[in-house]
């Protein structure tokens, strides 16, 4: 019920207000914050359909992500949303804004999700377009937050990606993060949290 309301009522009003006024009405912004207290409905009714439509503007993505940053969201729902975003094949700049914002919440993400994010970037080896700064920034946040969870094989694959897609300011920072890494032993609390989230995520999004 909430998901349908968000998708058919709240989302169109947000999109229309941003198009007309170039900024979001205070009351609509507060409504988005309240909507995020039902995170599954928020992601499924607003974020994912808007991003997957290909019509999401950078302004819309920035506003939605500012809401996500300000509200505490359970890792399970954000992990599921991150997986869905990374599986979407038709790239647009708003996708990078969402990915960056979710990574920047510093969750103890299940390794399945981290692998999906890495694969999202590795897939761009076959894409010869010039990638926007938002894409490079999202890759930088991945390197900063999860460098100790990225395997040597994945780092080598990302190195190849950076040979093809390079930004004169951002790429050196990504390389520094990925290749000056020391591998600490994972804390028991983090490992337990990841294991629990992974089990619940498997139940929510069963493997095909």
N, C-alpha and C. Protein backbone atom coordinates (compact mmCIF):
# COMPACT_ATOMS: atom_id res chain seq x y z
N UNK A 1 0.84 -1.21 0.00
CA UNK A 1 0.00 0.00 0.00
C UNK A 1 0.87 1.26 0.00
N UNK A 2 1.85 1.31 0.92
CA UNK A 2 2.73 2.48 0.99
C UNK A 2 3.53 2.62 -0.28
N UNK A 3 4.05 1.50 -0.79
CA UNK A 3 4.85 1.53 -2.02
C UNK A 3 4.05 2.11 -3.18
N UNK A 4 2.80 1.69 -3.30
CA UNK A 4 1.94 2.18 -4.38
C UNK A 4 1.67 3.67 -4.22
N UNK A 5 1.42 4.11 -3.00
CA UNK A 5 1.17 5.53 -2.74
C UNK A 5 2.40 6.36 -3.09
N UNK A 6 3.59 5.89 -2.68
CA UNK A 6 4.83 6.62 -2.97
C UNK A 6 5.03 6.75 -4.47
N UNK A 7 4.76 5.65 -5.20
CA UNK A 7 5.04 5.63 -6.64
C UNK A 7 4.03 6.45 -7.43
N UNK A 8 2.76 6.39 -7.05
CA UNK A 8 1.71 7.02 -7.85
C UNK A 8 1.35 8.43 -7.40
N UNK A 9 1.66 8.77 -6.15
CA UNK A 9 1.27 10.08 -5.62
C UNK A 9 2.48 10.93 -5.26
N UNK A 10 3.32 10.44 -4.35
CA UNK A 10 4.41 11.26 -3.84
C UNK A 10 5.48 11.52 -4.91
N UNK A 11 5.92 10.48 -5.60
CA UNK A 11 6.99 10.65 -6.60
C UNK A 11 6.60 11.64 -7.70
N UNK A 12 5.42 11.52 -8.33
CA UNK A 12 5.07 12.51 -9.36
C UNK A 12 5.05 13.95 -8.84
N UNK A 13 4.59 14.15 -7.61
CA UNK A 13 4.57 15.50 -7.05
C UNK A 13 5.99 16.04 -6.85
N UNK A 14 6.89 15.19 -6.37
CA UNK A 14 8.29 15.59 -6.19
C UNK A 14 8.92 15.95 -7.53
N UNK A 15 8.74 15.10 -8.52
CA UNK A 15 9.32 15.34 -9.85
C UNK A 15 8.77 16.62 -10.45
N UNK A 16 7.47 16.82 -10.36
CA UNK A 16 6.83 18.01 -10.93
C UNK A 16 7.31 19.28 -10.24
N UNK A 17 7.43 19.24 -8.91
CA UNK A 17 7.85 20.42 -8.16
C UNK A 17 9.29 20.79 -8.50
N UNK A 18 10.16 19.80 -8.64
CA UNK A 18 11.55 20.07 -8.99
C UNK A 18 11.66 20.65 -10.40
N UNK A 19 10.85 20.15 -11.31
CA UNK A 19 10.90 20.67 -12.68
C UNK A 19 10.44 22.12 -12.75
N UNK A 20 9.41 22.44 -11.99
CA UNK A 20 8.84 23.80 -12.06
C UNK A 20 9.66 24.82 -11.29
N UNK A 21 10.18 24.43 -10.11
CA UNK A 21 10.82 25.39 -9.21
C UNK A 21 12.32 25.24 -9.06
N UNK A 22 12.88 24.16 -9.62
CA UNK A 22 14.33 23.89 -9.55
C UNK A 22 14.82 23.58 -8.14
N UNK A 23 13.90 23.57 -7.19
CA UNK A 23 14.20 23.15 -5.82
C UNK A 23 12.93 22.57 -5.24
N UNK A 24 13.10 21.72 -4.21
CA UNK A 24 11.94 21.01 -3.69
C UNK A 24 11.28 21.77 -2.56
N UNK A 25 9.96 21.84 -2.62
CA UNK A 25 9.17 22.45 -1.56
C UNK A 25 9.49 21.81 -0.21
N UNK A 26 9.57 22.64 0.83
CA UNK A 26 9.92 22.16 2.16
C UNK A 26 9.01 21.03 2.63
N UNK A 27 7.73 21.15 2.40
CA UNK A 27 6.77 20.16 2.89
C UNK A 27 6.91 18.83 2.13
N UNK A 28 7.23 18.91 0.83
CA UNK A 28 7.48 17.68 0.09
C UNK A 28 8.77 17.01 0.55
N UNK A 29 9.76 17.83 0.89
CA UNK A 29 11.01 17.26 1.40
C UNK A 29 10.76 16.54 2.73
N UNK A 30 9.98 17.15 3.59
CA UNK A 30 9.64 16.51 4.86
C UNK A 30 8.83 15.24 4.63
N UNK A 31 7.98 15.25 3.62
CA UNK A 31 7.20 14.05 3.29
C UNK A 31 8.12 12.91 2.84
N UNK A 32 9.17 13.25 2.09
CA UNK A 32 10.14 12.23 1.68
C UNK A 32 10.86 11.65 2.90
N UNK A 33 11.22 12.51 3.83
CA UNK A 33 11.88 12.02 5.05
C UNK A 33 10.98 11.07 5.83
N UNK A 34 9.71 11.42 5.93
CA UNK A 34 8.77 10.52 6.62
C UNK A 34 8.57 9.24 5.84
N UNK A 35 8.57 9.33 4.51
CA UNK A 35 8.40 8.15 3.68
C UNK A 35 9.53 7.15 3.89
N UNK A 36 10.72 7.65 4.19
CA UNK A 36 11.88 6.76 4.35
C UNK A 36 11.80 5.93 5.63
N UNK A 37 10.86 6.24 6.51
CA UNK A 37 10.67 5.39 7.68
C UNK A 37 10.00 4.07 7.30
N UNK A 38 9.57 3.96 6.06
CA UNK A 38 9.20 2.67 5.46
C UNK A 38 10.20 2.43 4.33
N UNK A 39 11.43 2.03 4.67
CA UNK A 39 12.52 2.02 3.68
C UNK A 39 12.29 1.11 2.48
N UNK A 40 11.67 -0.06 2.69
CA UNK A 40 11.42 -0.96 1.56
C UNK A 40 10.50 -0.28 0.54
N UNK A 41 9.44 0.35 1.03
CA UNK A 41 8.50 1.04 0.14
C UNK A 41 9.15 2.25 -0.51
N UNK A 42 10.01 2.95 0.23
CA UNK A 42 10.70 4.13 -0.31
C UNK A 42 11.60 3.74 -1.48
N UNK A 43 12.40 2.69 -1.28
CA UNK A 43 13.30 2.26 -2.36
C UNK A 43 12.53 1.70 -3.55
N UNK A 44 11.53 0.83 -3.26
CA UNK A 44 10.80 0.17 -4.34
C UNK A 44 9.79 1.09 -5.03
N UNK A 45 9.30 2.08 -4.29
CA UNK A 45 8.28 2.95 -4.86
C UNK A 45 8.81 4.24 -5.44
N UNK A 46 10.02 4.66 -5.00
CA UNK A 46 10.55 5.95 -5.44
C UNK A 46 11.91 5.81 -6.11
N UNK A 47 12.91 5.35 -5.37
CA UNK A 47 14.29 5.37 -5.87
C UNK A 47 14.48 4.45 -7.07
N UNK A 48 14.15 3.17 -6.92
CA UNK A 48 14.43 2.21 -7.98
C UNK A 48 13.63 2.48 -9.26
N UNK A 49 12.31 2.68 -9.18
CA UNK A 49 11.59 2.94 -10.43
C UNK A 49 12.03 4.23 -11.12
N UNK A 50 12.37 5.25 -10.32
CA UNK A 50 12.79 6.52 -10.94
C UNK A 50 14.14 6.35 -11.63
N UNK A 51 15.06 5.67 -10.98
CA UNK A 51 16.39 5.45 -11.57
C UNK A 51 16.29 4.54 -12.79
N UNK A 52 15.54 3.46 -12.68
CA UNK A 52 15.45 2.49 -13.77
C UNK A 52 14.66 3.02 -14.97
N UNK A 53 13.89 4.08 -14.76
CA UNK A 53 13.15 4.66 -15.88
C UNK A 53 14.07 5.36 -16.86
N UNK A 54 15.26 5.73 -16.40
CA UNK A 54 16.18 6.48 -17.25
C UNK A 54 15.87 7.95 -17.33
N UNK A 55 14.80 8.38 -16.64
CA UNK A 55 14.38 9.78 -16.70
C UNK A 55 14.80 10.57 -15.47
N UNK A 56 15.44 9.93 -14.52
CA UNK A 56 15.84 10.60 -13.28
C UNK A 56 16.94 11.63 -13.56
N UNK A 57 16.70 12.87 -13.22
CA UNK A 57 17.70 13.91 -13.42
C UNK A 57 18.70 13.92 -12.27
N UNK A 58 19.82 14.59 -12.48
CA UNK A 58 20.82 14.67 -11.43
C UNK A 58 20.28 15.43 -10.22
N UNK A 59 19.44 16.43 -10.47
CA UNK A 59 18.84 17.19 -9.37
C UNK A 59 17.92 16.30 -8.54
N UNK A 60 17.11 15.50 -9.20
CA UNK A 60 16.21 14.59 -8.49
C UNK A 60 17.01 13.59 -7.66
N UNK A 61 18.06 13.03 -8.26
CA UNK A 61 18.89 12.05 -7.54
C UNK A 61 19.56 12.69 -6.33
N UNK A 62 20.02 13.92 -6.51
CA UNK A 62 20.70 14.62 -5.40
C UNK A 62 19.74 14.86 -4.25
N UNK A 63 18.52 15.27 -4.56
CA UNK A 63 17.52 15.52 -3.51
C UNK A 63 17.16 14.23 -2.79
N UNK A 64 16.90 13.17 -3.52
CA UNK A 64 16.54 11.89 -2.90
C UNK A 64 17.68 11.37 -2.04
N UNK A 65 18.92 11.53 -2.52
CA UNK A 65 20.07 11.04 -1.75
C UNK A 65 20.31 11.87 -0.50
N UNK A 66 19.97 13.16 -0.56
CA UNK A 66 20.13 13.98 0.65
C UNK A 66 19.19 13.51 1.74
N UNK A 67 18.02 12.99 1.34
CA UNK A 67 17.08 12.42 2.32
C UNK A 67 17.66 11.14 2.90
N UNK A 68 18.20 10.29 2.04
CA UNK A 68 18.78 9.02 2.49
C UNK A 68 19.93 9.28 3.47
N UNK A 69 20.71 10.32 3.22
CA UNK A 69 21.84 10.63 4.10
C UNK A 69 21.38 11.06 5.48
N UNK A 70 20.23 11.71 5.57
CA UNK A 70 19.79 12.30 6.83
C UNK A 70 18.97 11.35 7.70
N UNK A 71 18.55 10.23 7.13
CA UNK A 71 17.70 9.29 7.88
C UNK A 71 18.45 7.98 8.06
N UNK A 72 18.36 7.42 9.25
CA UNK A 72 18.98 6.12 9.52
C UNK A 72 18.15 5.02 8.86
N UNK A 73 18.78 4.29 7.95
CA UNK A 73 18.09 3.26 7.18
C UNK A 73 18.73 1.91 7.49
N UNK A 74 17.97 0.87 7.79
CA UNK A 74 18.56 -0.45 8.07
C UNK A 74 19.39 -0.94 6.89
N UNK A 75 20.49 -1.58 7.21
CA UNK A 75 21.43 -2.05 6.19
C UNK A 75 20.77 -3.01 5.21
N UNK A 76 19.82 -3.82 5.67
CA UNK A 76 19.19 -4.81 4.79
C UNK A 76 18.52 -4.14 3.60
N UNK A 77 17.74 -3.11 3.84
CA UNK A 77 17.01 -2.45 2.76
C UNK A 77 17.95 -1.71 1.82
N UNK A 78 18.97 -1.06 2.39
CA UNK A 78 19.93 -0.35 1.54
C UNK A 78 20.77 -1.33 0.72
N UNK A 79 21.08 -2.49 1.31
CA UNK A 79 21.83 -3.52 0.57
C UNK A 79 21.03 -4.02 -0.62
N UNK A 80 19.75 -4.27 -0.41
CA UNK A 80 18.90 -4.74 -1.49
C UNK A 80 18.79 -3.69 -2.59
N UNK A 81 18.65 -2.41 -2.20
CA UNK A 81 18.56 -1.34 -3.19
C UNK A 81 19.87 -1.21 -3.97
N UNK A 82 20.99 -1.34 -3.27
CA UNK A 82 22.30 -1.25 -3.93
C UNK A 82 22.49 -2.37 -4.94
N UNK A 83 22.06 -3.57 -4.57
CA UNK A 83 22.12 -4.70 -5.52
C UNK A 83 21.31 -4.41 -6.77
N UNK A 84 20.10 -3.91 -6.58
CA UNK A 84 19.23 -3.63 -7.72
C UNK A 84 19.83 -2.54 -8.61
N UNK A 85 20.39 -1.50 -7.99
CA UNK A 85 20.99 -0.42 -8.76
C UNK A 85 22.17 -0.92 -9.59
N UNK A 86 22.96 -1.81 -9.01
CA UNK A 86 24.15 -2.32 -9.71
C UNK A 86 23.77 -3.29 -10.82
N UNK A 87 22.61 -3.93 -10.71
CA UNK A 87 22.19 -4.88 -11.74
C UNK A 87 21.54 -4.18 -12.93
N UNK A 88 21.17 -2.91 -12.76
CA UNK A 88 20.53 -2.19 -13.86
C UNK A 88 21.56 -1.88 -14.93
N UNK A 89 21.31 -2.29 -16.16
CA UNK A 89 22.32 -2.24 -17.22
C UNK A 89 22.37 -0.93 -17.98
N UNK A 90 21.26 -0.19 -18.02
CA UNK A 90 21.25 1.07 -18.76
C UNK A 90 21.76 2.19 -17.86
N UNK A 91 23.04 2.54 -18.04
CA UNK A 91 23.68 3.49 -17.12
C UNK A 91 23.18 4.92 -17.35
N UNK A 92 22.99 5.63 -16.22
CA UNK A 92 22.80 7.07 -16.27
C UNK A 92 23.46 7.67 -15.04
N UNK A 93 23.73 8.98 -15.10
CA UNK A 93 24.48 9.63 -14.03
C UNK A 93 23.84 9.53 -12.67
N UNK A 94 22.50 9.51 -12.62
CA UNK A 94 21.81 9.42 -11.33
C UNK A 94 22.13 8.11 -10.62
N UNK A 95 22.39 7.06 -11.39
CA UNK A 95 22.74 5.77 -10.81
C UNK A 95 24.00 5.90 -9.95
N UNK A 96 25.00 6.64 -10.44
CA UNK A 96 26.24 6.83 -9.69
C UNK A 96 26.00 7.63 -8.41
N UNK A 97 25.09 8.59 -8.48
CA UNK A 97 24.79 9.39 -7.28
C UNK A 97 24.17 8.52 -6.20
N UNK A 98 23.24 7.65 -6.58
CA UNK A 98 22.62 6.75 -5.60
C UNK A 98 23.64 5.76 -5.04
N UNK A 99 24.45 5.17 -5.91
CA UNK A 99 25.45 4.20 -5.46
C UNK A 99 26.43 4.86 -4.50
N UNK A 100 26.91 6.04 -4.86
CA UNK A 100 27.85 6.75 -4.00
C UNK A 100 27.25 7.03 -2.62
N UNK A 101 26.00 7.51 -2.60
CA UNK A 101 25.37 7.86 -1.33
C UNK A 101 25.17 6.65 -0.43
N UNK A 102 24.78 5.53 -1.01
CA UNK A 102 24.57 4.32 -0.20
C UNK A 102 25.91 3.77 0.32
N UNK A 103 26.94 3.83 -0.51
CA UNK A 103 28.26 3.38 -0.05
C UNK A 103 28.79 4.29 1.05
N UNK A 104 28.47 5.56 0.96
CA UNK A 104 29.00 6.54 1.91
C UNK A 104 28.33 6.46 3.27
N UNK A 105 27.29 5.63 3.42
CA UNK A 105 26.68 5.45 4.73
C UNK A 105 27.48 4.49 5.61
N UNK A 106 28.53 3.91 5.04
CA UNK A 106 29.51 3.11 5.79
C UNK A 106 28.89 1.89 6.46
N UNK A 107 27.99 1.24 5.75
CA UNK A 107 27.41 0.01 6.27
C UNK A 107 28.45 -1.12 6.28
N UNK A 108 28.21 -2.12 7.12
CA UNK A 108 28.94 -3.39 7.02
C UNK A 108 28.21 -4.24 5.98
N UNK A 109 28.45 -3.93 4.71
CA UNK A 109 27.71 -4.58 3.63
C UNK A 109 28.12 -6.04 3.49
N UNK A 110 27.18 -6.92 3.16
CA UNK A 110 27.55 -8.31 2.84
C UNK A 110 28.49 -8.33 1.64
N UNK A 111 29.38 -9.33 1.61
CA UNK A 111 30.35 -9.41 0.52
C UNK A 111 29.65 -9.56 -0.82
N UNK A 112 28.48 -10.19 -0.83
CA UNK A 112 27.72 -10.32 -2.07
C UNK A 112 27.41 -8.96 -2.67
N UNK A 113 27.10 -7.99 -1.83
CA UNK A 113 26.77 -6.65 -2.30
C UNK A 113 28.02 -5.93 -2.78
N UNK A 114 29.11 -6.04 -2.02
CA UNK A 114 30.36 -5.41 -2.44
C UNK A 114 30.82 -5.98 -3.78
N UNK A 115 30.71 -7.30 -3.95
CA UNK A 115 31.07 -7.92 -5.22
C UNK A 115 30.22 -7.36 -6.37
N UNK A 116 28.93 -7.15 -6.10
CA UNK A 116 28.05 -6.62 -7.14
C UNK A 116 28.45 -5.20 -7.53
N UNK A 117 28.85 -4.40 -6.55
CA UNK A 117 29.28 -3.03 -6.85
C UNK A 117 30.57 -3.06 -7.67
N UNK A 118 31.51 -3.92 -7.28
CA UNK A 118 32.75 -4.05 -8.05
C UNK A 118 32.44 -4.48 -9.49
N UNK A 119 31.57 -5.47 -9.64
CA UNK A 119 31.21 -5.94 -10.98
C UNK A 119 30.54 -4.84 -11.80
N UNK A 120 29.78 -3.99 -11.13
CA UNK A 120 29.15 -2.86 -11.82
C UNK A 120 30.21 -2.00 -12.49
N UNK A 121 31.29 -1.71 -11.78
CA UNK A 121 32.34 -0.88 -12.36
C UNK A 121 33.20 -1.65 -13.36
N UNK A 122 33.48 -2.91 -13.07
CA UNK A 122 34.30 -3.72 -13.99
C UNK A 122 33.61 -3.84 -15.35
N UNK A 123 32.29 -3.87 -15.36
CA UNK A 123 31.55 -4.00 -16.63
C UNK A 123 31.84 -2.85 -17.59
N UNK A 124 32.34 -1.73 -17.07
CA UNK A 124 32.60 -0.58 -17.93
C UNK A 124 33.89 -0.72 -18.73
N UNK A 125 34.59 -1.85 -18.60
CA UNK A 125 35.74 -2.10 -19.46
C UNK A 125 35.32 -2.13 -20.93
N UNK A 126 34.09 -2.55 -21.17
CA UNK A 126 33.60 -2.66 -22.55
C UNK A 126 32.89 -1.40 -23.02
N UNK A 127 32.83 -0.39 -22.17
CA UNK A 127 32.13 0.85 -22.51
C UNK A 127 33.15 1.94 -22.79
N UNK A 128 33.16 2.45 -23.99
CA UNK A 128 34.17 3.43 -24.41
C UNK A 128 33.69 4.87 -24.28
N UNK A 129 32.52 5.07 -23.71
CA UNK A 129 32.08 6.45 -23.48
C UNK A 129 32.95 7.12 -22.43
N UNK A 130 33.01 8.44 -22.48
CA UNK A 130 33.69 9.18 -21.43
C UNK A 130 32.74 9.26 -20.23
N UNK A 131 33.18 8.73 -19.09
CA UNK A 131 32.30 8.65 -17.94
C UNK A 131 32.29 9.98 -17.18
N UNK A 132 31.14 10.34 -16.62
CA UNK A 132 31.04 11.61 -15.89
C UNK A 132 31.79 11.56 -14.57
N UNK A 133 32.02 12.74 -14.02
CA UNK A 133 32.73 12.84 -12.74
C UNK A 133 32.00 12.06 -11.65
N UNK A 134 30.67 12.04 -11.69
CA UNK A 134 29.89 11.32 -10.67
C UNK A 134 30.26 9.84 -10.65
N UNK A 135 30.52 9.27 -11.81
CA UNK A 135 30.92 7.86 -11.89
C UNK A 135 32.26 7.65 -11.19
N UNK A 136 33.23 8.51 -11.47
CA UNK A 136 34.55 8.40 -10.85
C UNK A 136 34.46 8.61 -9.33
N UNK A 137 33.61 9.53 -8.91
CA UNK A 137 33.44 9.77 -7.47
C UNK A 137 32.84 8.57 -6.76
N UNK A 138 31.90 7.89 -7.41
CA UNK A 138 31.32 6.69 -6.81
C UNK A 138 32.37 5.60 -6.66
N UNK A 139 33.22 5.44 -7.67
CA UNK A 139 34.30 4.46 -7.58
C UNK A 139 35.28 4.83 -6.47
N UNK A 140 35.54 6.11 -6.30
CA UNK A 140 36.43 6.55 -5.23
C UNK A 140 35.86 6.21 -3.85
N UNK A 141 34.56 6.43 -3.67
CA UNK A 141 33.94 6.11 -2.38
C UNK A 141 34.00 4.61 -2.11
N UNK A 142 33.79 3.80 -3.15
CA UNK A 142 33.95 2.34 -2.99
C UNK A 142 35.36 2.00 -2.50
N UNK A 143 36.36 2.61 -3.11
CA UNK A 143 37.75 2.34 -2.71
C UNK A 143 38.02 2.83 -1.29
N UNK A 144 37.48 3.97 -0.92
CA UNK A 144 37.72 4.52 0.41
C UNK A 144 37.06 3.70 1.51
N UNK A 145 35.82 3.29 1.27
CA UNK A 145 35.04 2.65 2.33
C UNK A 145 35.25 1.13 2.41
N UNK A 146 35.55 0.50 1.27
CA UNK A 146 35.55 -0.96 1.25
C UNK A 146 36.83 -1.55 0.65
N UNK A 147 37.92 -0.79 0.66
CA UNK A 147 39.16 -1.28 0.04
C UNK A 147 39.65 -2.57 0.68
N UNK A 148 39.43 -2.75 1.97
CA UNK A 148 39.91 -3.96 2.64
C UNK A 148 39.05 -5.18 2.34
N UNK A 149 37.92 -4.96 1.69
CA UNK A 149 37.03 -6.07 1.33
C UNK A 149 37.12 -6.44 -0.15
N UNK A 150 37.96 -5.74 -0.88
CA UNK A 150 38.13 -5.99 -2.31
C UNK A 150 39.32 -6.92 -2.51
N UNK A 151 39.12 -8.01 -3.22
CA UNK A 151 40.17 -9.02 -3.40
C UNK A 151 41.24 -8.52 -4.36
N UNK A 152 42.44 -9.14 -4.32
CA UNK A 152 43.50 -8.76 -5.28
C UNK A 152 43.04 -8.89 -6.73
N UNK A 153 42.27 -9.93 -7.04
CA UNK A 153 41.79 -10.10 -8.41
C UNK A 153 40.84 -8.95 -8.80
N UNK A 154 40.01 -8.55 -7.87
CA UNK A 154 39.09 -7.44 -8.16
C UNK A 154 39.86 -6.13 -8.32
N UNK A 155 40.90 -5.93 -7.52
CA UNK A 155 41.70 -4.71 -7.66
C UNK A 155 42.38 -4.65 -9.02
N UNK A 156 42.85 -5.81 -9.49
CA UNK A 156 43.48 -5.84 -10.82
C UNK A 156 42.47 -5.53 -11.91
N UNK A 157 41.25 -6.04 -11.75
CA UNK A 157 40.21 -5.75 -12.73
C UNK A 157 39.86 -4.26 -12.71
N UNK A 158 39.81 -3.66 -11.52
CA UNK A 158 39.53 -2.24 -11.42
C UNK A 158 40.68 -1.41 -11.99
N UNK A 159 41.90 -1.91 -11.85
CA UNK A 159 43.05 -1.21 -12.45
C UNK A 159 42.88 -1.12 -13.96
N UNK A 160 42.41 -2.20 -14.57
CA UNK A 160 42.18 -2.20 -16.01
C UNK A 160 41.08 -1.20 -16.38
N UNK A 161 40.04 -1.15 -15.54
CA UNK A 161 38.97 -0.17 -15.78
C UNK A 161 39.53 1.24 -15.76
N UNK A 162 40.43 1.52 -14.81
CA UNK A 162 40.97 2.87 -14.69
C UNK A 162 41.92 3.22 -15.82
N UNK A 163 42.47 2.22 -16.49
CA UNK A 163 43.28 2.51 -17.68
C UNK A 163 42.39 3.03 -18.81
N UNK A 164 41.17 2.52 -18.85
CA UNK A 164 40.24 2.90 -19.91
C UNK A 164 39.49 4.18 -19.56
N UNK A 165 39.09 4.28 -18.29
CA UNK A 165 38.33 5.45 -17.82
C UNK A 165 39.14 6.14 -16.74
N UNK A 166 39.74 7.26 -17.08
CA UNK A 166 40.61 7.95 -16.14
C UNK A 166 40.17 9.40 -15.98
N UNK A 167 40.27 9.87 -14.75
CA UNK A 167 40.03 11.29 -14.47
C UNK A 167 41.29 11.84 -13.81
N UNK A 168 41.74 12.98 -14.32
CA UNK A 168 43.06 13.48 -13.92
C UNK A 168 43.19 13.75 -12.42
N UNK A 169 42.06 14.04 -11.73
CA UNK A 169 42.14 14.30 -10.30
C UNK A 169 41.66 13.12 -9.45
N UNK A 170 40.61 12.45 -9.89
CA UNK A 170 39.99 11.42 -9.06
C UNK A 170 40.73 10.09 -9.15
N UNK A 171 41.13 9.69 -10.36
CA UNK A 171 41.75 8.37 -10.55
C UNK A 171 43.01 8.17 -9.70
N UNK A 172 43.92 9.16 -9.60
CA UNK A 172 45.09 8.96 -8.72
C UNK A 172 44.71 8.67 -7.27
N UNK A 173 43.61 9.29 -6.81
CA UNK A 173 43.15 9.03 -5.44
C UNK A 173 42.62 7.60 -5.31
N UNK A 174 41.92 7.14 -6.34
CA UNK A 174 41.40 5.76 -6.30
C UNK A 174 42.57 4.77 -6.26
N UNK A 175 43.57 5.01 -7.10
CA UNK A 175 44.74 4.13 -7.11
C UNK A 175 45.45 4.11 -5.76
N UNK A 176 45.57 5.28 -5.16
CA UNK A 176 46.23 5.36 -3.85
C UNK A 176 45.46 4.55 -2.81
N UNK A 177 44.14 4.66 -2.83
CA UNK A 177 43.32 3.93 -1.87
C UNK A 177 43.42 2.41 -2.09
N UNK A 178 43.37 1.98 -3.34
CA UNK A 178 43.31 0.55 -3.63
C UNK A 178 44.65 -0.16 -3.49
N UNK A 179 45.73 0.54 -3.81
CA UNK A 179 47.02 -0.15 -3.92
C UNK A 179 48.01 0.23 -2.83
N UNK A 180 47.56 0.99 -1.84
CA UNK A 180 48.39 1.19 -0.65
C UNK A 180 47.66 0.63 0.55
N UNK A 181 46.91 -0.46 0.30
CA UNK A 181 46.01 -1.01 1.30
C UNK A 181 46.74 -2.04 2.17
N UNK A 182 46.45 -2.00 3.45
CA UNK A 182 46.88 -3.07 4.35
C UNK A 182 45.64 -3.82 4.77
N UNK A 183 45.75 -5.12 4.91
CA UNK A 183 44.58 -5.96 5.15
C UNK A 183 44.46 -6.30 6.64
N UNK A 184 43.68 -5.55 7.41
CA UNK A 184 43.50 -5.87 8.83
C UNK A 184 42.58 -7.06 9.00
N UNK A 185 42.68 -7.69 10.14
CA UNK A 185 41.75 -8.79 10.41
C UNK A 185 40.40 -8.20 10.74
N UNK A 186 39.35 -8.79 10.19
CA UNK A 186 38.00 -8.27 10.40
C UNK A 186 37.57 -8.46 11.83
N UNK A 187 36.91 -7.44 12.38
CA UNK A 187 36.43 -7.54 13.74
C UNK A 187 35.28 -8.51 13.86
N UNK A 188 35.16 -9.16 15.00
CA UNK A 188 34.11 -10.15 15.18
C UNK A 188 32.72 -9.56 15.04
N UNK A 189 32.53 -8.32 15.57
CA UNK A 189 31.22 -7.69 15.48
C UNK A 189 30.83 -7.41 14.06
N UNK A 190 31.78 -6.91 13.26
CA UNK A 190 31.50 -6.61 11.86
C UNK A 190 31.18 -7.88 11.10
N UNK A 191 31.95 -8.93 11.33
CA UNK A 191 31.73 -10.20 10.64
C UNK A 191 30.35 -10.77 10.97
N UNK A 192 29.98 -10.70 12.25
CA UNK A 192 28.68 -11.22 12.66
C UNK A 192 27.55 -10.42 12.04
N UNK A 193 27.71 -9.08 11.98
CA UNK A 193 26.69 -8.23 11.38
C UNK A 193 26.54 -8.54 9.91
N UNK A 194 27.67 -8.72 9.25
CA UNK A 194 27.63 -9.03 7.81
C UNK A 194 26.95 -10.37 7.56
N UNK A 195 27.26 -11.35 8.39
CA UNK A 195 26.68 -12.68 8.22
C UNK A 195 25.17 -12.64 8.39
N UNK A 196 24.72 -11.92 9.41
CA UNK A 196 23.28 -11.81 9.65
C UNK A 196 22.58 -11.11 8.49
N UNK A 197 23.17 -10.00 8.03
CA UNK A 197 22.58 -9.25 6.92
C UNK A 197 22.54 -10.10 5.66
N UNK A 198 23.62 -10.85 5.41
CA UNK A 198 23.69 -11.69 4.21
C UNK A 198 22.59 -12.74 4.21
N UNK A 199 22.34 -13.35 5.38
CA UNK A 199 21.29 -14.37 5.47
C UNK A 199 19.92 -13.76 5.20
N UNK A 200 19.67 -12.59 5.77
CA UNK A 200 18.37 -11.95 5.58
C UNK A 200 18.24 -11.44 4.13
N UNK A 201 19.35 -11.02 3.55
CA UNK A 201 19.31 -10.55 2.17
C UNK A 201 19.03 -11.69 1.21
N UNK A 202 19.61 -12.85 1.48
CA UNK A 202 19.34 -14.04 0.65
C UNK A 202 17.86 -14.41 0.69
N UNK A 203 17.25 -14.24 1.87
CA UNK A 203 15.82 -14.53 1.98
C UNK A 203 14.97 -13.51 1.23
N UNK A 204 15.46 -12.25 1.24
CA UNK A 204 14.72 -11.17 0.58
C UNK A 204 14.89 -11.22 -0.94
N UNK A 205 16.13 -11.52 -1.38
CA UNK A 205 16.44 -11.58 -2.81
C UNK A 205 17.08 -12.92 -3.12
N UNK A 206 16.31 -13.98 -3.23
CA UNK A 206 16.87 -15.29 -3.47
C UNK A 206 17.61 -15.34 -4.79
N UNK A 207 18.72 -16.08 -4.79
CA UNK A 207 19.52 -16.22 -6.01
C UNK A 207 18.73 -17.01 -7.04
N UNK A 208 18.90 -16.63 -8.32
CA UNK A 208 18.21 -17.34 -9.39
C UNK A 208 18.96 -18.62 -9.73
